[in-house]
Amino acid sequence: MTENQKTAFGFAGKNLLWSEIVKHLNEVQTALTLQAIAQSVKGEDRIHLCGQADAVNYVISSLISMRQEARQLNGLTPDEDLA
């Protein structure tokens, strides 16, 4: 992890930008998942939507992992204020 990442992701307390980014990504993931499981969606369209939902899930997971690692490196509790 770079020093910039440690600083950017290792902040203490709440951060409105962070909270809104995670909230938005969760909303996008939910919307993609609901589209993927809709009865009207068939074949390759379903596969594509599932791939998109999985990609958004990966982004969310990687951002939260970076935040946990940065918080820990900054001497903070890694599981606090993650979303």
Protein backbone atom coordinates (compact mmCIF):
# COMPACT_ATOMS: atom_id res chain seq x y z
CA MET A 1 0.00 0.00 0.00
CA THR A 2 1.36 3.41 -0.95
CA GLU A 3 1.55 6.33 1.46
CA ASN A 4 -1.14 8.12 -0.56
CA GLN A 5 -3.46 5.12 -0.25
CA LYS A 6 -2.69 4.85 3.46
CA THR A 7 -3.62 8.51 3.91
CA ALA A 8 -6.67 8.48 1.62
CA PHE A 9 -8.24 5.28 2.95
CA GLY A 10 -7.00 5.36 6.55
CA PHE A 11 -9.00 8.29 7.81
CA ALA A 12 -10.66 8.22 11.21
CA GLY A 13 -14.39 8.67 11.72
CA LYS A 14 -17.08 9.25 9.14
CA ASN A 15 -16.43 10.71 5.70
CA LEU A 16 -19.39 11.83 3.59
CA LEU A 17 -17.66 11.15 0.25
CA TRP A 18 -16.65 7.63 1.31
CA SER A 19 -20.12 6.86 2.64
CA GLU A 20 -21.83 8.10 -0.52
CA ILE A 21 -19.47 6.19 -2.82
CA VAL A 22 -20.09 2.92 -0.97
CA LYS A 23 -23.83 3.62 -0.85
CA HIS A 24 -23.94 4.32 -4.59
CA LEU A 25 -21.95 1.22 -5.47
CA ASN A 26 -24.27 -0.91 -3.33
CA GLU A 27 -27.29 0.59 -5.10
CA VAL A 28 -25.76 -0.11 -8.52
CA GLN A 29 -24.97 -3.69 -7.48
CA THR A 30 -28.53 -4.22 -6.25
CA ALA A 31 -30.00 -2.80 -9.46
CA LEU A 32 -27.79 -5.01 -11.64
CA THR A 33 -28.64 -8.09 -9.58
CA LEU A 34 -32.37 -7.40 -9.81
CA GLN A 35 -32.07 -6.93 -13.57
CA ALA A 36 -30.07 -10.15 -13.89
CA ILE A 37 -32.70 -12.24 -12.10
CA ALA A 38 -35.69 -10.67 -13.87
CA GLN A 39 -37.81 -13.22 -15.74
CA SER A 40 -37.69 -11.17 -18.91
CA VAL A 41 -33.89 -11.37 -19.15
CA LYS A 42 -32.58 -14.31 -21.16
CA GLY A 43 -29.32 -15.96 -22.11
CA GLU A 44 -26.34 -13.77 -22.78
CA ASP A 45 -28.05 -10.68 -21.37
CA ARG A 46 -28.37 -12.44 -18.00
CA ILE A 47 -24.75 -13.55 -18.13
CA HIS A 48 -23.63 -10.01 -18.95
CA LEU A 49 -25.64 -8.49 -16.08
CA CYS A 50 -24.30 -11.09 -13.65
CA GLY A 51 -20.76 -10.21 -14.74
CA GLN A 52 -21.43 -6.53 -14.21
CA ALA A 53 -22.90 -7.15 -10.74
CA ASP A 54 -19.89 -9.30 -9.84
CA ALA A 55 -17.51 -6.58 -11.04
CA VAL A 56 -19.23 -3.97 -8.87
CA ASN A 57 -19.05 -6.41 -5.94
CA TYR A 58 -15.31 -6.76 -6.53
CA VAL A 59 -14.85 -2.96 -6.52
CA ILE A 60 -16.77 -2.62 -3.25
CA SER A 61 -14.81 -5.46 -1.65
CA SER A 62 -11.45 -4.12 -2.78
CA LEU A 63 -12.21 -0.59 -1.54
CA ILE A 64 -13.31 -1.89 1.86
CA SER A 65 -10.22 -4.11 2.08
CA MET A 66 -8.00 -1.14 1.29
CA ARG A 67 -9.78 0.90 3.97
CA GLN A 68 -9.33 -1.87 6.55
CA GLU A 69 -5.63 -2.23 5.75
CA ALA A 70 -5.03 1.54 5.77
CA ARG A 71 -6.87 1.98 9.07
CA GLN A 72 -4.81 -0.81 10.62
CA LEU A 73 -1.56 0.70 9.33
CA ASN A 74 -2.62 4.03 10.85
CA GLY A 75 -3.17 2.36 14.23
CA LEU A 76 -6.98 2.45 14.04
CA THR A 77 -9.57 -0.30 14.43
CA PRO A 78 -9.82 -1.92 10.97
CA ASP A 79 -13.55 -2.68 11.11
CA GLU A 80 -14.89 0.72 12.15
CA ASP A 81 -16.72 3.11 9.77
CA LEU A 82 -16.24 0.93 6.70
CA ALA A 83 -19.41 1.97 4.90
